[in-house]
PDB file of N, CA and C in Angstrom:
ATOM      1  N   UNK A   1     164.333   0.137 -64.280  1.00  0.00           N
ATOM      2  CA  UNK A   1     163.350  -0.881 -64.647  1.00  0.00           C
ATOM      3  C   UNK A   1     163.592  -2.000 -65.160  1.00  0.00           C
ATOM      4  N   UNK A   2     163.187  -3.108 -64.168  1.00  0.00           N
ATOM      5  CA  UNK A   2     163.574  -4.627 -64.658  1.00  0.00           C
ATOM      6  C   UNK A   2     162.649  -5.078 -65.649  1.00  0.00           C
ATOM      7  N   UNK A   3     163.160  -6.215 -66.342  1.00  0.00           N
ATOM      8  CA  UNK A   3     162.438  -6.855 -67.232  1.00  0.00           C
ATOM      9  C   UNK A   3     161.261  -7.958 -66.890  1.00  0.00           C
ATOM     10  N   UNK A   4     160.811  -7.568 -65.961  1.00  0.00           N
ATOM     11  CA  UNK A   4     159.737  -8.427 -65.193  1.00  0.00           C
ATOM     12  C   UNK A   4     158.278  -8.080 -65.836  1.00  0.00           C
ATOM     13  N   UNK A   5     157.717  -8.963 -66.327  1.00  0.00           N
ATOM     14  CA  UNK A   5     156.072  -8.764 -66.626  1.00  0.00           C
ATOM     15  C   UNK A   5     155.329  -8.165 -65.522  1.00  0.00           C
ATOM     16  N   UNK A   6     154.659  -6.700 -65.684  1.00  0.00           N
ATOM     17  CA  UNK A   6     154.097  -6.431 -64.629  1.00  0.00           C
ATOM     18  C   UNK A   6     152.504  -6.898 -64.123  1.00  0.00           C
ATOM     19  N   UNK A   7     152.462  -7.928 -65.264  1.00  0.00           N
ATOM     20  CA  UNK A   7     151.052  -8.777 -64.857  1.00  0.00           C
ATOM     21  C   UNK A   7     151.105  -9.945 -64.604  1.00  0.00           C
ATOM     22  N   UNK A   8     151.813 -10.801 -65.113  1.00  0.00           N
ATOM     23  CA  UNK A   8     152.271 -12.316 -64.750  1.00  0.00           C
ATOM     24  C   UNK A   8     153.722 -12.378 -63.826  1.00  0.00           C
ATOM     25  N   UNK A   9     154.338 -11.436 -63.857  1.00  0.00           N
ATOM     26  CA  UNK A   9     155.746 -11.648 -63.242  1.00  0.00           C
ATOM     27  C   UNK A   9     156.844 -12.288 -63.582  1.00  0.00           C
ATOM     28  N   UNK A  10     156.424 -12.731 -64.779  1.00  0.00           N
ATOM     29  CA  UNK A  10     157.354 -13.683 -65.841  1.00  0.00           C
ATOM     30  C   UNK A  10     158.725 -13.076 -66.404  1.00  0.00           C
ATOM     31  N   UNK A  11     159.451 -13.192 -66.867  1.00  0.00           N
ATOM     32  CA  UNK A  11     160.564 -12.716 -67.529  1.00  0.00           C
ATOM     33  C   UNK A  11     159.959 -12.112 -68.976  1.00  0.00           C
ATOM     34  N   UNK A  12     159.955 -10.549 -69.413  1.00  0.00           N
ATOM     35  CA  UNK A  12     159.381 -10.105 -70.090  1.00  0.00           C
ATOM     36  C   UNK A  12     160.440  -9.766 -71.542  1.00  0.00           C
ATOM     37  N   UNK A  13     160.015  -9.965 -72.211  1.00  0.00           N
ATOM     38  CA  UNK A  13     161.024 -10.065 -73.422  1.00  0.00           C
ATOM     39  C   UNK A  13     160.446  -8.854 -74.638  1.00  0.00           C
ATOM     40  N   UNK A  14     159.004  -8.218 -74.453  1.00  0.00           N
ATOM     41  CA  UNK A  14     158.560  -7.592 -75.511  1.00  0.00           C
ATOM     42  C   UNK A  14     158.468  -6.007 -74.700  1.00  0.00           C
ATOM     43  N   UNK A  15     159.390  -5.132 -75.116  1.00  0.00           N
ATOM     44  CA  UNK A  15     159.125  -3.939 -74.694  1.00  0.00           C
ATOM     45  C   UNK A  15     157.848  -3.090 -74.910  1.00  0.00           C
ATOM     46  N   UNK A  16     157.042  -2.479 -74.345  1.00  0.00           N
ATOM     47  CA  UNK A  16     156.035  -2.054 -74.573  1.00  0.00           C
ATOM     48  C   UNK A  16     155.484  -1.097 -73.296  1.00  0.00           C
ATOM     49  N   UNK A  17     154.963   0.485 -73.594  1.00  0.00           N
ATOM     50  CA  UNK A  17     154.322   1.089 -72.439  1.00  0.00           C
ATOM     51  C   UNK A  17     155.241   1.197 -71.317  1.00  0.00           C
ATOM     52  N   UNK A  18     156.995   1.434 -71.442  1.00  0.00           N
ATOM     53  CA  UNK A  18     157.797   1.533 -70.461  1.00  0.00           C
ATOM     54  C   UNK A  18     157.956   0.300 -69.639  1.00  0.00           C
ATOM     55  N   UNK A  19     157.590  -0.811 -70.114  1.00  0.00           N
ATOM     56  CA  UNK A  19     157.779  -2.390 -69.349  1.00  0.00           C
ATOM     57  C   UNK A  19     158.042  -3.175 -70.220  1.00  0.00           C
ATOM     58  N   UNK A  20     158.320  -4.479 -69.720  1.00  0.00           N
ATOM     59  CA  UNK A  20     158.799  -5.892 -70.668  1.00  0.00           C
ATOM     60  C   UNK A  20     157.440  -6.750 -70.415  1.00  0.00           C
ATOM     61  N   UNK A  21     156.844  -7.020 -71.291  1.00  0.00           N
ATOM     62  CA  UNK A  21     155.730  -7.940 -71.191  1.00  0.00           C
ATOM     63  C   UNK A  21     156.266  -9.480 -71.775  1.00  0.00           C
ATOM     64  N   UNK A  22     155.704 -10.636 -71.510  1.00  0.00           N
ATOM     65  CA  UNK A  22     156.183 -11.837 -71.740  1.00  0.00           C
ATOM     66  C   UNK A  22     155.207 -12.334 -73.088  1.00  0.00           C
ATOM     67  N   UNK A  23     154.240 -11.730 -73.459  1.00  0.00           N
ATOM     68  CA  UNK A  23     153.242 -11.995 -74.640  1.00  0.00           C
ATOM     69  C   UNK A  23     152.213 -10.855 -74.904  1.00  0.00           C
ATOM     70  N   UNK A  24     151.558 -11.082 -75.840  1.00  0.00           N
ATOM     71  CA  UNK A  24     150.535 -10.479 -76.482  1.00  0.00           C
ATOM     72  C   UNK A  24     149.497 -10.421 -75.437  1.00  0.00           C
ATOM     73  N   UNK A  25     149.022 -11.075 -74.951  1.00  0.00           N
ATOM     74  CA  UNK A  25     148.047 -11.484 -73.881  1.00  0.00           C
ATOM     75  C   UNK A  25     148.595 -10.643 -72.535  1.00  0.00           C
ATOM     76  N   UNK A  26     149.487 -10.609 -71.941  1.00  0.00           N
ATOM     77  CA  UNK A  26     149.921  -9.697 -71.041  1.00  0.00           C
ATOM     78  C   UNK A  26     149.841  -8.169 -71.444  1.00  0.00           C
ATOM     79  N   UNK A  27     150.275  -7.799 -72.410  1.00  0.00           N
ATOM     80  CA  UNK A  27     150.104  -6.577 -73.028  1.00  0.00           C
ATOM     81  C   UNK A  27     148.573  -5.999 -73.181  1.00  0.00           C
ATOM     82  N   UNK A  28     147.685  -6.993 -73.563  1.00  0.00           N
ATOM     83  CA  UNK A  28     146.403  -6.807 -73.715  1.00  0.00           C
ATOM     84  C   UNK A  28     145.590  -6.653 -72.797  1.00  0.00           C
ATOM     85  N   UNK A  29     145.907  -7.397 -71.309  1.00  0.00           N
ATOM     86  CA  UNK A  29     145.641  -7.214 -69.932  1.00  0.00           C
ATOM     87  C   UNK A  29     145.880  -6.020 -69.407  1.00  0.00           C
ATOM     88  N   UNK A  30     147.397  -5.111 -69.634  1.00  0.00           N
ATOM     89  CA  UNK A  30     147.711  -4.232 -69.328  1.00  0.00           C
ATOM     90  C   UNK A  30     147.134  -3.191 -69.665  1.00  0.00           C
ATOM     91  N   UNK A  31     146.663  -3.275 -71.181  1.00  0.00           N
ATOM     92  CA  UNK A  31     146.042  -2.217 -71.494  1.00  0.00           C
ATOM     93  C   UNK A  31     144.517  -2.281 -71.065  1.00  0.00           C
ATOM     94  N   UNK A  32     143.796  -3.214 -71.075  1.00  0.00           N
ATOM     95  CA  UNK A  32     142.374  -3.248 -70.378  1.00  0.00           C
ATOM     96  C   UNK A  32     142.512  -2.692 -68.794  1.00  0.00           C
ATOM     97  N   UNK A  33     143.399  -2.939 -67.989  1.00  0.00           N
ATOM     98  CA  UNK A  33     143.447  -2.581 -66.731  1.00  0.00           C
ATOM     99  C   UNK A  33     144.008  -1.347 -66.504  1.00  0.00           C
ATOM    100  N   UNK A  34     144.457  -0.467 -67.680  1.00  0.00           N
ATOM    101  CA  UNK A  34     145.073   0.994 -67.616  1.00  0.00           C
ATOM    102  C   UNK A  34     144.080   1.789 -68.380  1.00  0.00           C
ATOM    103  N   UNK A  35     143.192   1.037 -69.045  1.00  0.00           N
ATOM    104  CA  UNK A  35     142.344   1.777 -69.844  1.00  0.00           C
ATOM    105  C   UNK A  35     143.183   2.499 -71.057  1.00  0.00           C
ATOM    106  N   UNK A  36     144.018   1.754 -71.660  1.00  0.00           N
ATOM    107  CA  UNK A  36     144.810   2.360 -72.780  1.00  0.00           C
ATOM    108  C   UNK A  36     144.103   2.074 -73.812  1.00  0.00           C
ATOM    109  N   UNK A  37     144.492   3.102 -74.947  1.00  0.00           N
ATOM    110  CA  UNK A  37     143.634   3.340 -76.009  1.00  0.00           C
ATOM    111  C   UNK A  37     144.394   1.972 -76.957  1.00  0.00           C
ATOM    112  N   UNK A  38     143.526   1.199 -77.894  1.00  0.00           N
ATOM    113  CA  UNK A  38     144.053  -0.210 -78.452  1.00  0.00           C
ATOM    114  C   UNK A  38     144.775   0.465 -79.578  1.00  0.00           C
ATOM    115  N   UNK A  39     144.992   1.457 -80.008  1.00  0.00           N
ATOM    116  CA  UNK A  39     145.860   1.728 -81.122  1.00  0.00           C
ATOM    117  C   UNK A  39     147.372   1.654 -80.411  1.00  0.00           C
ATOM    118  N   UNK A  40     148.026   0.804 -80.823  1.00  0.00           N
ATOM    119  CA  UNK A  40     149.397   0.346 -80.294  1.00  0.00           C
ATOM    120  C   UNK A  40     150.448   1.599 -80.659  1.00  0.00           C
ATOM    121  N   UNK A  41     150.985   1.873 -79.392  1.00  0.00           N
ATOM    122  CA  UNK A  41     152.068   2.515 -79.504  1.00  0.00           C
ATOM    123  C   UNK A  41     153.405   1.867 -79.565  1.00  0.00           C
ATOM    124  N   UNK A  42     153.340   0.442 -79.779  1.00  0.00           N
ATOM    125  CA  UNK A  42     154.630   0.132 -79.622  1.00  0.00           C
ATOM    126  C   UNK A  42     154.817  -1.134 -81.056  1.00  0.00           C
ATOM    127  N   UNK A  43     155.764  -1.334 -81.339  1.00  0.00           N
ATOM    128  CA  UNK A  43     155.963  -2.540 -82.271  1.00  0.00           C
ATOM    129  C   UNK A  43     156.679  -3.710 -81.613  1.00  0.00           C
ATOM    130  N   UNK A  44     155.629  -4.884 -82.136  1.00  0.00           N
ATOM    131  CA  UNK A  44     155.885  -6.297 -81.443  1.00  0.00           C
ATOM    132  C   UNK A  44     156.828  -6.951 -82.429  1.00  0.00           C
ATOM    133  N   UNK A  45     157.934  -6.956 -82.015  1.00  0.00           N
ATOM    134  CA  UNK A  45     158.998  -7.869 -83.062  1.00  0.00           C
ATOM    135  C   UNK A  45     159.129  -9.211 -82.470  1.00  0.00           C
ATOM    136  N   UNK A  46     158.776 -10.455 -83.090  1.00  0.00           N
ATOM    137  CA  UNK A  46     159.252 -11.696 -82.731  1.00  0.00           C
ATOM    138  C   UNK A  46     158.270 -11.622 -81.017  1.00  0.00           C
ATOM    139  N   UNK A  47     157.201 -11.489 -81.218  1.00  0.00           N
ATOM    140  CA  UNK A  47     156.242 -11.557 -80.340  1.00  0.00           C
ATOM    141  C   UNK A  47     155.896 -13.048 -80.041  1.00  0.00           C
ATOM    142  N   UNK A  48     156.154 -13.531 -78.744  1.00  0.00           N
ATOM    143  CA  UNK A  48     155.624 -15.064 -78.558  1.00  0.00           C
ATOM    144  C   UNK A  48     154.256 -15.153 -78.907  1.00  0.00           C
ATOM    145  N   UNK A  49     154.137 -16.477 -79.350  1.00  0.00           N
ATOM    146  CA  UNK A  49     152.433 -16.592 -79.285  1.00  0.00           C
ATOM    147  C   UNK A  49     151.989 -17.178 -77.686  1.00  0.00           C
ATOM    148  N   UNK A  50     150.893 -17.215 -77.312  1.00  0.00           N
ATOM    149  CA  UNK A  50     150.660 -17.827 -76.052  1.00  0.00           C
ATOM    150  C   UNK A  50     151.190 -19.189 -75.761  1.00  0.00           C
ATOM    151  N   UNK A  51     151.420 -20.227 -76.566  1.00  0.00           N
ATOM    152  CA  UNK A  51     152.008 -21.294 -76.605  1.00  0.00           C
ATOM    153  C   UNK A  51     153.271 -21.392 -76.401  1.00  0.00           C
ATOM    154  N   UNK A  52     153.910 -20.514 -77.098  1.00  0.00           N
ATOM    155  CA  UNK A  52     155.353 -20.403 -77.049  1.00  0.00           C
ATOM    156  C   UNK A  52     155.841 -19.460 -75.828  1.00  0.00           C
ATOM    157  N   UNK A  53     154.824 -18.565 -75.263  1.00  0.00           N
ATOM    158  CA  UNK A  53     155.328 -17.955 -73.999  1.00  0.00           C
ATOM    159  C   UNK A  53     155.198 -19.308 -73.076  1.00  0.00           C
ATOM    160  N   UNK A  54     154.559 -20.194 -73.025  1.00  0.00           N
ATOM    161  CA  UNK A  54     154.180 -21.176 -72.038  1.00  0.00           C
ATOM    162  C   UNK A  54     155.439 -22.178 -71.976  1.00  0.00           C
ATOM    163  N   UNK A  55     155.748 -22.294 -73.412  1.00  0.00           N
ATOM    164  CA  UNK A  55     157.164 -23.187 -73.411  1.00  0.00           C
ATOM    165  C   UNK A  55     158.395 -22.440 -73.123  1.00  0.00           C
ATOM    166  N   UNK A  56     158.237 -21.251 -73.025  1.00  0.00           N
ATOM    167  CA  UNK A  56     159.346 -20.221 -72.515  1.00  0.00           C
ATOM    168  C   UNK A  56     159.450 -20.638 -71.058  1.00  0.00           C
ATOM    169  N   UNK A  57     158.368 -20.625 -70.424  1.00  0.00           N
ATOM    170  CA  UNK A  57     157.926 -20.850 -68.965  1.00  0.00           C
ATOM    171  C   UNK A  57     158.360 -22.172 -68.450  1.00  0.00           C
ATOM    172  N   UNK A  58     158.522 -22.913 -69.323  1.00  0.00           N
ATOM    173  CA  UNK A  58     158.688 -24.333 -69.055  1.00  0.00           C
ATOM    174  C   UNK A  58     157.805 -25.144 -68.643  1.00  0.00           C
ATOM    175  N   UNK A  59     156.786 -25.003 -69.137  1.00  0.00           N
ATOM    176  CA  UNK A  59     155.214 -25.485 -68.527  1.00  0.00           C
ATOM    177  C   UNK A  59     155.444 -26.861 -69.472  1.00  0.00           C
ATOM    178  N   UNK A  60     154.756 -27.595 -68.655  1.00  0.00           N
ATOM    179  CA  UNK A  60     154.542 -29.046 -69.289  1.00  0.00           C
ATOM    180  C   UNK A  60     153.659 -29.164 -69.996  1.00  0.00           C
ATOM    181  N   UNK A  61     153.638 -29.646 -71.160  1.00  0.00           N
ATOM    182  CA  UNK A  61     152.649 -29.909 -72.631  1.00  0.00           C
ATOM    183  C   UNK A  61     152.471 -31.502 -72.555  1.00  0.00           C
ATOM    184  N   UNK A  62     151.116 -31.630 -72.721  1.00  0.00           N
ATOM    185  CA  UNK A  62     150.789 -33.003 -73.342  1.00  0.00           C
ATOM    186  C   UNK A  62     151.202 -33.461 -74.610  1.00  0.00           C
ATOM    187  N   UNK A  63     150.990 -34.755 -74.903  1.00  0.00           N
ATOM    188  CA  UNK A  63     151.441 -35.676 -76.395  1.00  0.00           C
ATOM    189  C   UNK A  63     150.563 -34.678 -77.299  1.00  0.00           C
ATOM    190  N   UNK A  64     149.144 -34.291 -77.029  1.00  0.00           N
ATOM    191  CA  UNK A  64     148.407 -34.177 -77.825  1.00  0.00           C
ATOM    192  C   UNK A  64     148.787 -32.228 -78.382  1.00  0.00           C
ATOM    193  N   UNK A  65     149.064 -31.825 -77.222  1.00  0.00           N
ATOM    194  CA  UNK A  65     149.454 -30.468 -77.564  1.00  0.00           C
ATOM    195  C   UNK A  65     150.557 -30.255 -78.154  1.00  0.00           C
ATOM    196  N   UNK A  66     151.895 -31.037 -78.061  1.00  0.00           N
ATOM    197  CA  UNK A  66     153.300 -31.293 -78.679  1.00  0.00           C
ATOM    198  C   UNK A  66     152.666 -31.351 -80.049  1.00  0.00           C
ATOM    199  N   UNK A  67     151.723 -32.560 -80.332  1.00  0.00           N
ATOM    200  CA  UNK A  67     151.545 -32.843 -81.749  1.00  0.00           C
ATOM    201  C   UNK A  67     151.009 -31.817 -82.684  1.00  0.00           C
ATOM    202  N   UNK A  68     149.903 -31.173 -81.690  1.00  0.00           N
ATOM    203  CA  UNK A  68     149.295 -29.714 -82.299  1.00  0.00           C
ATOM    204  C   UNK A  68     150.224 -28.827 -82.522  1.00  0.00           C
ATOM    205  N   UNK A  69     151.261 -28.369 -81.780  1.00  0.00           N
ATOM    206  CA  UNK A  69     152.174 -27.500 -81.731  1.00  0.00           C
ATOM    207  C   UNK A  69     152.649 -27.584 -83.032  1.00  0.00           C
ATOM    208  N   UNK A  70     153.365 -29.094 -83.059  1.00  0.00           N
ATOM    209  CA  UNK A  70     154.128 -29.202 -84.305  1.00  0.00           C
ATOM    210  C   UNK A  70     153.609 -29.132 -85.700  1.00  0.00           C
ATOM    211  N   UNK A  71     152.182 -29.371 -85.768  1.00  0.00           N
ATOM    212  CA  UNK A  71     151.454 -29.599 -86.748  1.00  0.00           C
ATOM    213  C   UNK A  71     151.114 -27.973 -87.392  1.00  0.00           C
ATOM    214  N   UNK A  72     151.028 -27.345 -86.344  1.00  0.00           N
ATOM    215  CA  UNK A  72     150.401 -25.860 -86.620  1.00  0.00           C
ATOM    216  C   UNK A  72     151.697 -25.313 -86.996  1.00  0.00           C
ATOM    217  N   UNK A  73     152.928 -25.176 -86.436  1.00  0.00           N
ATOM    218  CA  UNK A  73     153.892 -24.829 -87.083  1.00  0.00           C
ATOM    219  C   UNK A  73     154.471 -25.171 -88.463  1.00  0.00           C
ATOM    220  N   UNK A  74     154.268 -26.467 -88.897  1.00  0.00           N
ATOM    221  CA  UNK A  74     154.499 -26.873 -90.190  1.00  0.00           C
ATOM    222  C   UNK A  74     153.376 -26.098 -91.184  1.00  0.00           C
ATOM    223  N   UNK A  75     152.210 -25.948 -90.605  1.00  0.00           N
ATOM    224  CA  UNK A  75     151.164 -25.714 -91.614  1.00  0.00           C
ATOM    225  C   UNK A  75     151.024 -24.120 -91.172  1.00  0.00           C
ATOM    226  N   UNK A  76     151.885 -23.198 -90.516  1.00  0.00           N
ATOM    227  CA  UNK A  76     151.535 -21.937 -90.335  1.00  0.00           C
ATOM    228  C   UNK A  76     150.332 -21.306 -90.055  1.00  0.00           C
ATOM    229  N   UNK A  77     149.810 -22.186 -88.808  1.00  0.00           N
ATOM    230  CA  UNK A  77     148.310 -22.029 -88.027  1.00  0.00           C
ATOM    231  C   UNK A  77     149.082 -21.860 -86.628  1.00  0.00           C
ATOM    232  N   UNK A  78     148.239 -20.882 -85.724  1.00  0.00           N
ATOM    233  CA  UNK A  78     148.251 -20.877 -84.700  1.00  0.00           C
ATOM    234  C   UNK A  78     146.941 -20.970 -83.930  1.00  0.00           C
ATOM    235  N   UNK A  79     146.663 -21.890 -83.211  1.00  0.00           N
ATOM    236  CA  UNK A  79     145.550 -22.275 -82.332  1.00  0.00           C
ATOM    237  C   UNK A  79     145.561 -22.197 -81.043  1.00  0.00           C
ATOM    238  N   UNK A  80     144.459 -21.920 -80.321  1.00  0.00           N
ATOM    239  CA  UNK A  80     144.457 -21.656 -78.849  1.00  0.00           C
ATOM    240  C   UNK A  80     144.289 -23.179 -78.213  1.00  0.00           C
ATOM    241  N   UNK A  81     145.378 -23.460 -77.460  1.00  0.00           N
ATOM    242  CA  UNK A  81     145.026 -24.940 -77.035  1.00  0.00           C
ATOM    243  C   UNK A  81     145.073 -24.663 -75.504  1.00  0.00           C
ATOM    244  N   UNK A  82     144.954 -23.614 -74.950  1.00  0.00           N
ATOM    245  CA  UNK A  82     145.158 -23.594 -73.430  1.00  0.00           C
ATOM    246  C   UNK A  82     144.415 -22.417 -73.423  1.00  0.00           C
TER     247      UNK A  82
END
């Protein structure tokens, strides 16, 4: 089994359902696609937020997104920017 996310094809770091996923969002899509009960049978440790996953993929962020990311990290808040 490779460490490629079966949903998006990116490098996966979260092991769940005998696969590796890059984010909680991809796990949710997988669960929905395969009609898996939402009672999690995995423990997500250091699961990247959607924004962190995008940063890991080296996507370009705008200045506004970078400022919001830094402010949110300082305040312990995660907001969806994408």
